[in-house]
C-alpha atoms as a PDB file:
ATOM      1  CA  MET A   1     103.373  55.953  88.736  1.00  0.00           C
ATOM      2  CA  PHE A   2     104.202  54.645  85.258  1.00  0.00           C
ATOM      3  CA  ALA A   3     100.811  52.951  85.003  1.00  0.00           C
ATOM      4  CA  SER A   4      99.053  56.211  85.916  1.00  0.00           C
ATOM      5  CA  LEU A   5     101.023  58.204  83.337  1.00  0.00           C
ATOM      6  CA  PHE A   6     100.430  55.564  80.664  1.00  0.00           C
ATOM      7  CA  ALA A   7      96.688  55.577  81.356  1.00  0.00           C
ATOM      8  CA  VAL A   8      96.628  59.364  80.876  1.00  0.00           C
ATOM      9  CA  LEU A   9      98.806  59.665  77.775  1.00  0.00           C
ATOM     10  CA  ALA A  10      98.113  56.426  75.893  1.00  0.00           C
ATOM     11  CA  PRO A  11      94.604  57.387  74.639  1.00  0.00           C
ATOM     12  CA  VAL A  12      95.904  60.752  73.401  1.00  0.00           C
ATOM     13  CA  PHE A  13      98.902  59.333  71.558  1.00  0.00           C
ATOM     14  CA  ILE A  14      97.023  56.306  70.192  1.00  0.00           C
ATOM     15  CA  VAL A  15      94.152  58.319  68.694  1.00  0.00           C
ATOM     16  CA  ALA A  16      96.512  60.960  67.262  1.00  0.00           C
ATOM     17  CA  GLY A  17      98.662  58.106  65.944  1.00  0.00           C
ATOM     18  CA  ILE A  18      95.643  56.590  64.172  1.00  0.00           C
ATOM     19  CA  GLY A  19      95.068  59.941  62.446  1.00  0.00           C
ATOM     20  CA  TYR A  20      98.747  60.148  61.489  1.00  0.00           C
ATOM     21  CA  ALA A  21      98.800  56.583  60.086  1.00  0.00           C
ATOM     22  CA  TRP A  22      95.505  57.168  58.267  1.00  0.00           C
ATOM     23  CA  ALA A  23      96.922  60.200  56.451  1.00  0.00           C
ATOM     24  CA  ARG A  24     100.299  58.548  55.736  1.00  0.00           C
ATOM     25  CA  LYS A  25      98.477  55.654  54.017  1.00  0.00           C
ATOM     26  CA  GLY A  26      96.882  58.193  51.689  1.00  0.00           C
ATOM     27  CA  LEU A  27      93.347  57.481  52.874  1.00  0.00           C
ATOM     28  CA  SER A  28      90.757  60.206  52.497  1.00  0.00           C
ATOM     29  CA  TYR A  29      90.212  62.501  55.483  1.00  0.00           C
ATOM     30  CA  PRO A  30      88.095  65.657  55.018  1.00  0.00           C
ATOM     31  CA  THR A  31      90.255  67.858  57.245  1.00  0.00           C
ATOM     32  CA  GLU A  32      88.509  71.122  56.361  1.00  0.00           C
ATOM     33  CA  PHE A  33      85.057  69.670  57.005  1.00  0.00           C
ATOM     34  CA  ILE A  34      86.079  68.008  60.289  1.00  0.00           C
ATOM     35  CA  ALA A  35      87.860  71.163  61.485  1.00  0.00           C
ATOM     36  CA  SER A  36      84.759  73.248  60.723  1.00  0.00           C
ATOM     37  CA  LEU A  37      82.517  70.700  62.441  1.00  0.00           C
ATOM     38  CA  VAL A  38      84.689  70.677  65.562  1.00  0.00           C
ATOM     39  CA  MET A  39      85.014  74.461  65.622  1.00  0.00           C
ATOM     40  CA  THR A  40      81.385  75.413  64.975  1.00  0.00           C
ATOM     41  CA  ILE A  41      79.486  72.604  66.721  1.00  0.00           C
ATOM     42  CA  GLY A  42      81.743  70.253  68.654  1.00  0.00           C
ATOM     43  CA  THR A  43      83.788  72.691  70.723  1.00  0.00           C
ATOM     44  CA  PRO A  44      80.895  74.967  71.793  1.00  0.00           C
ATOM     45  CA  SER A  45      78.919  71.836  72.746  1.00  0.00           C
ATOM     46  CA  LEU A  46      81.879  70.480  74.718  1.00  0.00           C
ATOM     47  CA  VAL A  47      82.226  73.795  76.568  1.00  0.00           C
ATOM     48  CA  LEU A  48      78.540  73.933  77.530  1.00  0.00           C
ATOM     49  CA  SER A  49      78.393  70.223  78.348  1.00  0.00           C
ATOM     50  CA  THR A  50      81.498  70.271  80.550  1.00  0.00           C
ATOM     51  CA  LEU A  51      80.551  73.403  82.459  1.00  0.00           C
ATOM     52  CA  SER A  52      76.940  72.285  82.971  1.00  0.00           C
ATOM     53  CA  ARG A  53      78.047  68.881  84.361  1.00  0.00           C
ATOM     54  CA  THR A  54      80.786  70.218  86.630  1.00  0.00           C
ATOM     55  CA  GLU A  55      80.370  72.324  89.740  1.00  0.00           C
ATOM     56  CA  LEU A  56      82.965  74.945  88.817  1.00  0.00           C
ATOM     57  CA  ASP A  57      83.318  77.796  91.271  1.00  0.00           C
ATOM     58  CA  PRO A  58      83.111  81.152  89.440  1.00  0.00           C
ATOM     59  CA  THR A  59      86.176  82.239  91.398  1.00  0.00           C
ATOM     60  CA  ALA A  60      88.120  79.240  90.059  1.00  0.00           C
ATOM     61  CA  PHE A  61      87.027  80.040  86.490  1.00  0.00           C
ATOM     62  CA  ALA A  62      88.062  83.692  86.865  1.00  0.00           C
ATOM     63  CA  SER A  63      91.344  82.627  88.488  1.00  0.00           C
ATOM     64  CA  MET A  64      92.143  80.295  85.583  1.00  0.00           C
ATOM     65  CA  ALA A  65      91.281  83.003  83.052  1.00  0.00           C
ATOM     66  CA  LEU A  66      93.567  85.448  84.885  1.00  0.00           C
ATOM     67  CA  GLY A  67      96.265  82.781  85.049  1.00  0.00           C
ATOM     68  CA  CYS A  68      96.014  82.284  81.285  1.00  0.00           C
ATOM     69  CA  LEU A  69      96.331  86.034  80.717  1.00  0.00           C
ATOM     70  CA  LEU A  70      99.423  86.250  82.932  1.00  0.00           C
ATOM     71  CA  CYS A  71     100.937  83.223  81.176  1.00  0.00           C
ATOM     72  CA  LEU A  72     100.425  85.010  77.862  1.00  0.00           C
ATOM     73  CA  LEU A  73     102.159  88.116  79.183  1.00  0.00           C
ATOM     74  CA  GLY A  74     105.017  86.007  80.519  1.00  0.00           C
ATOM     75  CA  MET A  75     105.402  84.212  77.196  1.00  0.00           C
ATOM     76  CA  VAL A  76     105.482  87.564  75.365  1.00  0.00           C
ATOM     77  CA  VAL A  77     108.604  88.443  77.359  1.00  0.00           C
ATOM     78  CA  VAL A  78     110.085  84.963  76.882  1.00  0.00           C
ATOM     79  CA  GLY A  79     109.256  84.886  73.178  1.00  0.00           C
ATOM     80  CA  LEU A  80     110.773  88.300  72.469  1.00  0.00           C
ATOM     81  CA  LEU A  81     113.954  87.345  74.346  1.00  0.00           C
ATOM     82  CA  VAL A  82     114.244  84.124  72.347  1.00  0.00           C
ATOM     83  CA  CYS A  83     113.670  86.070  69.115  1.00  0.00           C
ATOM     84  CA  ARG A  84     116.467  88.458  70.040  1.00  0.00           C
ATOM     85  CA  ILE A  85     118.908  85.745  71.149  1.00  0.00           C
ATOM     86  CA  PHE A  86     118.376  83.543  68.075  1.00  0.00           C
ATOM     87  CA  ASP A  87     117.858  86.434  65.627  1.00  0.00           C
ATOM     88  CA  GLN A  88     114.326  85.342  64.659  1.00  0.00           C
ATOM     89  CA  HIS A  89     111.560  87.553  63.265  1.00  0.00           C
ATOM     90  CA  TRP A  90     109.091  88.200  66.069  1.00  0.00           C
ATOM     91  CA  ARG A  91     106.033  87.865  63.802  1.00  0.00           C
ATOM     92  CA  VAL A  92     107.108  84.303  62.997  1.00  0.00           C
ATOM     93  CA  LEU A  93     108.273  83.013  66.369  1.00  0.00           C
ATOM     94  CA  LEU A  94     106.182  84.949  68.905  1.00  0.00           C
ATOM     95  CA  PRO A  95     102.785  83.383  68.001  1.00  0.00           C
ATOM     96  CA  ALA A  96     104.337  79.919  68.371  1.00  0.00           C
ATOM     97  CA  PHE A  97     105.414  80.784  71.918  1.00  0.00           C
ATOM     98  CA  LEU A  98     102.126  82.467  72.793  1.00  0.00           C
ATOM     99  CA  PHE A  99      99.588  79.955  71.522  1.00  0.00           C
ATOM    100  CA  PRO A 100     100.114  76.301  72.493  1.00  0.00           C
ATOM    101  CA  ASN A 101      97.879  73.375  71.567  1.00  0.00           C
ATOM    102  CA  THR A 102      95.480  73.710  74.508  1.00  0.00           C
ATOM    103  CA  GLY A 103      92.568  72.282  72.510  1.00  0.00           C
ATOM    104  CA  ASN A 104      93.603  69.165  70.567  1.00  0.00           C
ATOM    105  CA  MET A 105      96.057  68.009  73.264  1.00  0.00           C
ATOM    106  CA  GLY A 106      95.418  70.120  76.353  1.00  0.00           C
ATOM    107  CA  LEU A 107      91.749  69.230  76.829  1.00  0.00           C
ATOM    108  CA  PRO A 108      92.055  65.427  76.549  1.00  0.00           C
ATOM    109  CA  ILE A 109      95.194  65.283  78.696  1.00  0.00           C
ATOM    110  CA  SER A 110      93.522  67.422  81.373  1.00  0.00           C
ATOM    111  CA  LEU A 111      90.464  65.156  81.264  1.00  0.00           C
ATOM    112  CA  TYR A 112      92.398  61.905  81.615  1.00  0.00           C
ATOM    113  CA  ALA A 113      94.860  63.301  84.171  1.00  0.00           C
ATOM    114  CA  PHE A 114      92.559  65.367  86.396  1.00  0.00           C
ATOM    115  CA  GLY A 115      88.986  64.239  85.662  1.00  0.00           C
ATOM    116  CA  GLU A 116      85.897  66.281  84.821  1.00  0.00           C
ATOM    117  CA  HIS A 117      86.826  69.130  87.171  1.00  0.00           C
ATOM    118  CA  GLY A 118      90.270  69.365  85.598  1.00  0.00           C
ATOM    119  CA  LEU A 119      88.654  69.422  82.158  1.00  0.00           C
ATOM    120  CA  ALA A 120      86.400  72.308  83.234  1.00  0.00           C
ATOM    121  CA  LEU A 121      89.444  74.301  84.381  1.00  0.00           C
ATOM    122  CA  ALA A 122      91.242  73.456  81.143  1.00  0.00           C
ATOM    123  CA  VAL A 123      88.212  74.707  79.219  1.00  0.00           C
ATOM    124  CA  ALA A 124      88.485  78.040  81.063  1.00  0.00           C
ATOM    125  CA  PHE A 125      92.141  78.312  79.996  1.00  0.00           C
ATOM    126  CA  PHE A 126      91.294  77.241  76.439  1.00  0.00           C
ATOM    127  CA  LEU A 127      88.459  79.753  76.069  1.00  0.00           C
ATOM    128  CA  THR A 128      90.605  82.640  77.332  1.00  0.00           C
ATOM    129  CA  LEU A 129      93.525  81.695  75.099  1.00  0.00           C
ATOM    130  CA  SER A 130      91.249  81.302  72.074  1.00  0.00           C
ATOM    131  CA  ILE A 131      89.921  84.848  72.419  1.00  0.00           C
ATOM    132  CA  PHE A 132      93.470  86.208  72.248  1.00  0.00           C
ATOM    133  CA  GLN A 133      94.446  83.764  69.510  1.00  0.00           C
ATOM    134  CA  PHE A 134      91.643  84.947  67.238  1.00  0.00           C
ATOM    135  CA  THR A 135      92.441  88.609  67.914  1.00  0.00           C
ATOM    136  CA  VAL A 136      96.047  89.297  68.937  1.00  0.00           C
ATOM    137  CA  GLY A 137      97.396  86.148  67.273  1.00  0.00           C
ATOM    138  CA  MET A 138      95.788  86.899  63.931  1.00  0.00           C
ATOM    139  CA  ALA A 139      96.892  90.535  64.149  1.00  0.00           C
ATOM    140  CA  ILE A 140     100.516  89.477  64.743  1.00  0.00           C
ATOM    141  CA  SER A 141     100.411  87.116  61.780  1.00  0.00           C
ATOM    142  CA  GLY A 142      98.883  89.817  59.594  1.00  0.00           C
ATOM    143  CA  THR A 143      95.511  88.105  59.118  1.00  0.00           C
ATOM    144  CA  ALA A 144      93.386  90.032  61.610  1.00  0.00           C
ATOM    145  CA  ALA A 145      89.651  89.323  61.632  1.00  0.00           C
ATOM    146  CA  SER A 146      87.004  92.033  61.675  1.00  0.00           C
ATOM    147  CA  PRO A 147      85.100  92.722  64.928  1.00  0.00           C
ATOM    148  CA  LYS A 148      81.935  91.359  63.294  1.00  0.00           C
ATOM    149  CA  ALA A 149      83.712  88.104  62.375  1.00  0.00           C
ATOM    150  CA  LEU A 150      85.018  87.819  65.938  1.00  0.00           C
ATOM    151  CA  LEU A 151      81.520  88.161  67.390  1.00  0.00           C
ATOM    152  CA  ARG A 152      80.345  85.385  65.061  1.00  0.00           C
ATOM    153  CA  ASN A 153      83.196  83.109  66.150  1.00  0.00           C
ATOM    154  CA  PRO A 154      81.759  79.924  67.746  1.00  0.00           C
ATOM    155  CA  ILE A 155      84.328  79.998  70.563  1.00  0.00           C
ATOM    156  CA  VAL A 156      83.232  83.519  71.524  1.00  0.00           C
ATOM    157  CA  ILE A 157      79.573  82.466  71.319  1.00  0.00           C
ATOM    158  CA  SER A 158      80.216  79.433  73.529  1.00  0.00           C
ATOM    159  CA  LEU A 159      82.009  81.660  76.046  1.00  0.00           C
ATOM    160  CA  ALA A 160      78.970  83.954  76.165  1.00  0.00           C
ATOM    161  CA  GLY A 161      76.732  80.919  76.652  1.00  0.00           C
ATOM    162  CA  ALA A 162      78.935  79.608  79.448  1.00  0.00           C
ATOM    163  CA  MET A 163      78.799  82.774  81.538  1.00  0.00           C
ATOM    164  CA  PRO A 164      75.231  82.304  82.872  1.00  0.00           C
ATOM    165  CA  ILE A 165      76.010  78.663  83.700  1.00  0.00           C
ATOM    166  CA  ILE A 166      79.090  79.609  85.711  1.00  0.00           C
ATOM    167  CA  PHE A 167      78.185  82.896  87.335  1.00  0.00           C
ATOM    168  CA  LEU A 168      74.366  82.682  87.601  1.00  0.00           C
ATOM    169  CA  ASP A 169      74.154  78.930  88.251  1.00  0.00           C
ATOM    170  CA  VAL A 170      71.732  78.513  85.347  1.00  0.00           C
ATOM    171  CA  GLU A 171      70.851  74.901  84.518  1.00  0.00           C
ATOM    172  CA  LEU A 172      70.332  73.800  80.936  1.00  0.00           C
ATOM    173  CA  PRO A 173      67.008  72.109  80.103  1.00  0.00           C
ATOM    174  CA  ARG A 174      67.458  68.353  80.132  1.00  0.00           C
ATOM    175  CA  TRP A 175      66.892  68.008  76.371  1.00  0.00           C
ATOM    176  CA  LEU A 176      69.545  70.657  75.677  1.00  0.00           C
ATOM    177  CA  ALA A 177      71.988  69.223  78.217  1.00  0.00           C
ATOM    178  CA  ASN A 178      71.651  65.773  76.629  1.00  0.00           C
ATOM    179  CA  THR A 179      72.117  67.245  73.146  1.00  0.00           C
ATOM    180  CA  VAL A 180      75.294  69.194  73.920  1.00  0.00           C
ATOM    181  CA  ASP A 181      76.603  66.207  75.887  1.00  0.00           C
ATOM    182  CA  LEU A 182      76.118  63.987  72.825  1.00  0.00           C
ATOM    183  CA  LEU A 183      77.658  66.508  70.416  1.00  0.00           C
ATOM    184  CA  GLY A 184      80.483  67.406  72.788  1.00  0.00           C
ATOM    185  CA  GLY A 185      81.415  63.739  73.075  1.00  0.00           C
ATOM    186  CA  MET A 186      82.638  63.669  69.472  1.00  0.00           C
ATOM    187  CA  THR A 187      84.941  66.653  69.894  1.00  0.00           C
ATOM    188  CA  ILE A 188      88.010  65.260  71.669  1.00  0.00           C
ATOM    189  CA  PRO A 189      88.373  62.158  69.447  1.00  0.00           C
ATOM    190  CA  LEU A 190      87.992  64.267  66.292  1.00  0.00           C
ATOM    191  CA  MET A 191      90.473  66.836  67.649  1.00  0.00           C
ATOM    192  CA  LEU A 192      93.077  64.132  68.187  1.00  0.00           C
ATOM    193  CA  LEU A 193      92.470  62.435  64.825  1.00  0.00           C
ATOM    194  CA  THR A 194      92.779  65.795  63.058  1.00  0.00           C
ATOM    195  CA  LEU A 195      95.965  66.578  64.984  1.00  0.00           C
ATOM    196  CA  GLY A 196      97.494  63.335  63.718  1.00  0.00           C
ATOM    197  CA  VAL A 197      96.371  63.992  60.141  1.00  0.00           C
ATOM    198  CA  SER A 198      97.761  67.553  60.292  1.00  0.00           C
ATOM    199  CA  LEU A 199     101.131  66.352  61.594  1.00  0.00           C
ATOM    200  CA  ALA A 200     101.331  63.814  58.763  1.00  0.00           C
ATOM    201  CA  SER A 201     101.088  66.627  56.208  1.00  0.00           C
ATOM    202  CA  ILE A 202     104.046  68.548  57.669  1.00  0.00           C
ATOM    203  CA  ARG A 203     107.490  67.968  56.183  1.00  0.00           C
ATOM    204  CA  LEU A 204     110.467  68.626  58.436  1.00  0.00           C
ATOM    205  CA  ARG A 205     113.473  70.743  57.489  1.00  0.00           C
ATOM    206  CA  HIS A 206     116.193  72.170  59.735  1.00  0.00           C
ATOM    207  CA  ILE A 207     115.296  69.711  62.479  1.00  0.00           C
ATOM    208  CA  GLY A 208     118.054  70.930  64.818  1.00  0.00           C
ATOM    209  CA  SER A 209     116.703  74.479  65.146  1.00  0.00           C
ATOM    210  CA  GLY A 210     113.142  73.155  65.317  1.00  0.00           C
ATOM    211  CA  MET A 211     114.017  70.857  68.211  1.00  0.00           C
ATOM    212  CA  LEU A 212     115.854  73.627  70.052  1.00  0.00           C
ATOM    213  CA  LEU A 213     113.161  76.284  69.696  1.00  0.00           C
ATOM    214  CA  GLY A 214     110.316  73.789  70.102  1.00  0.00           C
ATOM    215  CA  GLY A 215     111.958  72.442  73.246  1.00  0.00           C
ATOM    216  CA  LEU A 216     112.328  75.941  74.637  1.00  0.00           C
ATOM    217  CA  ARG A 217     108.639  76.590  73.999  1.00  0.00           C
ATOM    218  CA  ILE A 218     107.358  73.629  76.014  1.00  0.00           C
ATOM    219  CA  VAL A 219     109.923  73.848  78.839  1.00  0.00           C
ATOM    220  CA  LEU A 220     109.653  77.609  79.318  1.00  0.00           C
ATOM    221  CA  GLY A 221     105.865  77.392  78.948  1.00  0.00           C
ATOM    222  CA  ALA A 222     105.735  74.946  81.854  1.00  0.00           C
ATOM    223  CA  ALA A 223     108.033  77.197  83.901  1.00  0.00           C
ATOM    224  CA  VAL A 224     105.852  80.250  83.275  1.00  0.00           C
ATOM    225  CA  GLY A 225     102.699  78.265  84.140  1.00  0.00           C
ATOM    226  CA  TRP A 226     104.236  77.057  87.396  1.00  0.00           C
ATOM    227  CA  ALA A 227     105.395  80.584  88.326  1.00  0.00           C
ATOM    228  CA  VAL A 228     101.997  82.159  87.584  1.00  0.00           C
ATOM    229  CA  GLY A 229     100.196  79.481  89.611  1.00  0.00           C
ATOM    230  CA  ALA A 230     102.506  80.140  92.566  1.00  0.00           C
ATOM    231  CA  LEU A 231     102.093  83.910  92.176  1.00  0.00           C
ATOM    232  CA  LEU A 232      98.296  83.661  92.277  1.00  0.00           C
ATOM    233  CA  GLY A 233      98.333  81.192  95.178  1.00  0.00           C
ATOM    234  CA  MET A 234      96.187  78.711  93.251  1.00  0.00           C
ATOM    235  CA  GLU A 235      94.872  75.447  94.645  1.00  0.00           C
ATOM    236  CA  THR A 236      96.873  72.359  93.681  1.00  0.00           C
ATOM    237  CA  LEU A 237      94.497  71.211  90.925  1.00  0.00           C
ATOM    238  CA  GLU A 238      94.302  74.689  89.391  1.00  0.00           C
ATOM    239  CA  ARG A 239      98.095  75.020  89.376  1.00  0.00           C
ATOM    240  CA  ALA A 240      98.446  71.577  87.801  1.00  0.00           C
ATOM    241  CA  VAL A 241      96.019  72.359  84.979  1.00  0.00           C
ATOM    242  CA  LEU A 242      97.567  75.791  84.417  1.00  0.00           C
ATOM    243  CA  MET A 243     101.067  74.335  84.161  1.00  0.00           C
ATOM    244  CA  VAL A 244     100.000  71.466  81.888  1.00  0.00           C
ATOM    245  CA  GLN A 245      98.068  73.759  79.527  1.00  0.00           C
ATOM    246  CA  SER A 246     100.951  76.217  79.403  1.00  0.00           C
ATOM    247  CA  ALA A 247     103.390  73.363  78.628  1.00  0.00           C
ATOM    248  CA  MET A 248     101.557  72.222  75.490  1.00  0.00           C
ATOM    249  CA  PRO A 249     103.394  72.169  72.124  1.00  0.00           C
ATOM    250  CA  VAL A 250     102.916  74.739  69.367  1.00  0.00           C
ATOM    251  CA  ALA A 251      99.367  74.670  67.984  1.00  0.00           C
ATOM    252  CA  VAL A 252      98.752  73.640  64.364  1.00  0.00           C
ATOM    253  CA  PHE A 253      96.666  76.818  64.046  1.00  0.00           C
ATOM    254  CA  ASN A 254      99.912  78.828  64.049  1.00  0.00           C
ATOM    255  CA  TYR A 255     101.038  76.957  60.943  1.00  0.00           C
ATOM    256  CA  LEU A 256      97.729  77.654  59.184  1.00  0.00           C
ATOM    257  CA  MET A 257      98.046  81.357  59.965  1.00  0.00           C
ATOM    258  CA  ALA A 258     101.667  81.392  58.736  1.00  0.00           C
ATOM    259  CA  VAL A 259     100.541  79.810  55.465  1.00  0.00           C
ATOM    260  CA  ARG A 260      97.742  82.356  55.037  1.00  0.00           C
ATOM    261  CA  ALA A 261     100.078  85.293  55.754  1.00  0.00           C
ATOM    262  CA  ASN A 262     103.040  83.685  53.926  1.00  0.00           C
ATOM    263  CA  ARG A 263     105.316  84.205  56.955  1.00  0.00           C
ATOM    264  CA  SER A 264     107.891  81.383  56.964  1.00  0.00           C
ATOM    265  CA  PRO A 265     105.301  78.563  57.066  1.00  0.00           C
ATOM    266  CA  GLU A 266     108.019  75.879  56.795  1.00  0.00           C
ATOM    267  CA  GLN A 267     109.727  77.190  59.934  1.00  0.00           C
ATOM    268  CA  VAL A 268     106.439  77.275  61.846  1.00  0.00           C
ATOM    269  CA  ALA A 269     105.630  73.747  60.618  1.00  0.00           C
ATOM    270  CA  ASN A 270     109.008  72.696  62.000  1.00  0.00           C
ATOM    271  CA  LEU A 271     108.134  74.155  65.392  1.00  0.00           C
ATOM    272  CA  VAL A 272     104.734  72.436  65.430  1.00  0.00           C
ATOM    273  CA  MET A 273     106.144  69.015  64.617  1.00  0.00           C
ATOM    274  CA  CYS A 274     109.287  69.203  66.759  1.00  0.00           C
ATOM    275  CA  SER A 275     107.531  70.590  69.838  1.00  0.00           C
ATOM    276  CA  THR A 276     104.817  67.925  69.508  1.00  0.00           C
ATOM    277  CA  VAL A 277     107.394  65.125  69.261  1.00  0.00           C
ATOM    278  CA  LEU A 278     109.299  66.518  72.246  1.00  0.00           C
ATOM    279  CA  SER A 279     106.064  66.815  74.242  1.00  0.00           C
ATOM    280  CA  PHE A 280     105.795  63.012  74.164  1.00  0.00           C
ATOM    281  CA  VAL A 281     108.844  63.050  76.441  1.00  0.00           C
ATOM    282  CA  TRP A 282     108.211  66.296  78.340  1.00  0.00           C
ATOM    283  CA  LEU A 283     104.534  65.884  79.255  1.00  0.00           C
ATOM    284  CA  PRO A 284     105.121  62.681  81.266  1.00  0.00           C
ATOM    285  CA  VAL A 285     107.672  64.652  83.314  1.00  0.00           C
ATOM    286  CA  VAL A 286     105.171  67.473  83.933  1.00  0.00           C
ATOM    287  CA  LEU A 287     102.368  65.057  84.802  1.00  0.00           C
ATOM    288  CA  ALA A 288     104.628  63.006  87.098  1.00  0.00           C
ATOM    289  CA  TRP A 289     105.260  66.244  89.033  1.00  0.00           C
ATOM    290  CA  TRP A 290     101.537  66.472  89.864  1.00  0.00           C
ATOM    291  CA  LEU A 291     100.310  62.881  89.821  1.00  0.00           C
END
């Protein structure tokens, strides 16, 4: 069991650790350029490549999207309760509970733990979450995008491109399939390197509260994911991916939005770092449940 868990988590932690060490040594890393490259080219290519290579039942895709939506609703209730109990401003804490790191960490862990089919299901969760993150999440933080900007968002475009592949069984031309496969291959390593670099730039304060709230986010996220999977009567693999994606730590994107809106960015940075550190302990427990 330990060997299986190590094989799943070691690549994720090692590559993110390389990014962290790279930034801590003061070496140059064009974070803005890499983030734009991953967002505009890498991620859409990964979505199309994964879904074109994997026989994903449209029902399974729709089920995962519904599961993601129900997890979001469940985390709204959980997040508001935590805000009330700990006397936190809901605009600061709620996005951290709603939007976990399903991209930089969720996709590679799902790939290494559950294979290509698990990655395809994780992509369905990630796409659904991203739509809400770039609409509801930005509205909560006070940095809402215009409808035109949303339609130009690469994640939304990749979702539109994925629909014919999933629901109409459309096959990509070989030259296009090879191209998106090549471009998509760079995405997960760059995601993990950028995660490490981003974590290196965060300075911790009030570690105790960050550990408590960050721990609640990942533990309660896993609980909500498990409950939603049971409620929907999902297959074992679907439930596993749903629970793992829902158990991810707070996404770095929440910190960037807090900085842009000037809403307690140091507190959000605390939650990102603390929940990520705690996930190194919590995710092996979640994966051991399923593996």
